[in-house]
Protein backbone atom coordinates (compact mmCIF):
# COMPACT_ATOMS: atom_id res chain seq x y z
CA MET A 1 80.49 110.15 123.47
CA LEU A 2 82.11 112.26 120.77
CA ALA A 3 85.49 111.84 122.49
CA GLY A 4 85.27 108.05 122.02
CA GLN A 5 85.54 107.18 125.72
CA TYR A 6 83.52 103.96 125.62
CA ASP A 7 83.87 100.27 124.81
CA MET A 8 80.46 99.95 123.19
CA PHE A 9 77.32 102.04 122.87
CA LEU A 10 73.78 101.70 121.58
CA ASN A 11 72.64 104.84 119.82
CA SER A 12 69.36 105.92 118.31
CA ARG A 13 70.31 108.40 115.60
CA SER A 14 67.50 110.77 114.72
CA TYR A 15 66.96 109.74 111.14
CA LEU A 16 63.61 111.50 111.26
CA SER A 17 65.59 114.71 110.87
CA ASP A 18 64.92 116.42 107.58
CA PHE A 19 68.33 116.34 105.89
CA PRO A 20 68.01 117.51 102.28
CA ASP A 21 70.81 115.17 101.17
CA ALA A 22 71.91 111.86 102.71
CA ALA A 23 75.51 112.85 101.95
CA SER A 24 75.27 115.23 104.92
CA THR A 25 74.92 112.27 107.29
CA LEU A 26 77.76 110.40 105.60
CA THR A 27 79.90 113.51 106.06
CA SER A 28 78.99 114.38 109.65
CA ASP A 29 78.95 110.81 110.97
CA TYR A 30 81.79 109.05 109.16
CA THR A 31 84.46 111.45 107.84
CA CYS A 32 87.68 112.10 109.77
CA ALA A 33 86.56 115.64 110.65
CA GLY A 34 82.86 114.74 111.01
CA SER A 35 80.98 116.74 113.62
CA TYR A 36 79.05 113.64 114.81
CA ALA A 37 81.69 110.96 114.27
CA ILE A 38 80.76 108.80 117.26
CA ASP A 39 82.25 105.69 115.63
CA GLN A 40 85.66 107.42 115.55
CA TYR A 41 86.08 106.22 111.96
CA CYS A 42 88.77 107.93 109.94
CA SER A 43 89.67 106.81 106.42
CA PRO A 44 91.31 109.20 103.94
CA ALA A 45 89.98 107.00 101.11
CA TYR A 46 86.42 107.29 102.45
CA ASP A 47 86.81 111.06 102.92
CA ALA A 48 87.97 111.40 99.30
CA LEU A 49 84.95 109.37 98.15
CA VAL A 50 82.54 111.56 100.14
CA ASP A 51 84.24 114.69 98.74
CA ARG A 52 83.54 113.35 95.25
CA LEU A 53 79.94 112.59 96.25
CA ASN A 54 79.44 116.11 97.61
CA GLY A 55 80.72 117.56 94.33
CA THR A 56 78.59 115.36 92.04
CA VAL A 57 75.12 116.29 90.80
CA ASP A 58 74.44 113.50 88.29
CA PRO A 59 71.93 111.11 89.95
CA ALA A 60 73.44 107.94 88.44
CA GLN A 61 76.94 108.91 89.54
CA ARG A 62 75.66 109.80 93.02
CA ARG A 63 73.93 106.40 93.35
CA GLN A 64 77.23 104.72 92.45
CA LEU A 65 79.17 106.83 94.97
CA PHE A 66 76.56 106.17 97.69
CA ALA A 67 76.90 102.43 97.01
CA GLU A 68 80.69 102.66 97.21
CA ALA A 69 80.50 104.62 100.48
CA ALA A 70 78.10 102.06 101.97
CA GLY A 71 80.41 99.27 100.82
CA MET A 72 83.40 100.89 102.53
CA LEU A 73 81.51 101.40 105.79
CA THR A 74 80.33 97.78 105.70
CA ALA A 75 83.74 96.33 104.78
CA ASP A 76 85.43 98.36 107.51
CA ALA A 77 82.72 97.32 110.04
CA VAL A 78 81.99 100.90 111.07
CA GLY A 79 79.23 100.46 113.59
CA VAL A 80 76.56 97.81 113.38
CA MET A 81 73.10 98.93 112.29
CA LEU A 82 70.49 97.03 114.27
CA VAL A 83 67.39 98.34 112.54
CA HIS A 84 66.40 100.52 109.62
CA PRO A 85 62.87 101.90 109.32
CA LEU A 86 60.68 101.21 106.32
CA ASN A 87 57.64 103.37 106.92
CA THR A 88 56.49 104.56 103.49
CA ALA A 89 52.78 104.29 102.77
CA VAL A 90 50.65 105.89 100.08
CA LEU A 91 47.08 105.54 98.94
CA ARG A 92 46.68 103.71 95.64
CA GLY A 93 46.15 106.25 92.86
CA ALA A 94 47.68 109.18 94.76
CA THR A 95 49.47 111.81 92.71
CA GLY A 96 52.34 114.07 93.69
CA PHE A 97 54.12 111.46 95.82
CA THR A 98 57.88 111.13 95.68
CA PRO A 99 59.29 108.39 97.93
CA ASP A 100 61.71 109.69 100.54
CA PRO A 101 65.21 108.16 100.11
CA LEU A 102 65.22 107.43 103.86
CA GLN A 103 61.76 105.86 103.55
CA ILE A 104 60.41 107.67 106.60
CA ARG A 105 58.38 110.52 105.13
CA PRO A 106 54.70 110.44 106.11
CA VAL A 107 51.92 110.71 103.56
CA LEU A 108 51.07 114.40 103.43
CA PRO A 109 47.63 116.03 103.05
CA GLN A 110 48.50 117.57 99.65
CA LEU A 111 48.59 114.06 98.15
CA ILE A 112 45.18 113.34 96.73
CA PRO A 113 43.83 110.27 94.93
CA ALA A 114 43.76 110.63 91.15
CA GLY A 115 40.36 110.61 89.44
């Protein structure tokens, strides 16, 4: 697969993996030297954008760079996403809950209803 010897493939990427930063997936899956670049995508402009993303800590700037990266991948038709999970659930009044950016984190026992 990683050698690109295929006409088409259907892949189930393990997005349940616990990556601390979504930029790691953008780097491994879509940069020219990505370790999991199954789509065989290589764009120096995209790589430069991801380099900027990986060097940015300001949340607002990162959101903008993530949006630009997603826009490039969409415009360049890099793979076609068939589904995206939306599995977040929380009890009304719970405290200590921070939504997972991938929206796949289960409700954990340390979350307790307020009051």
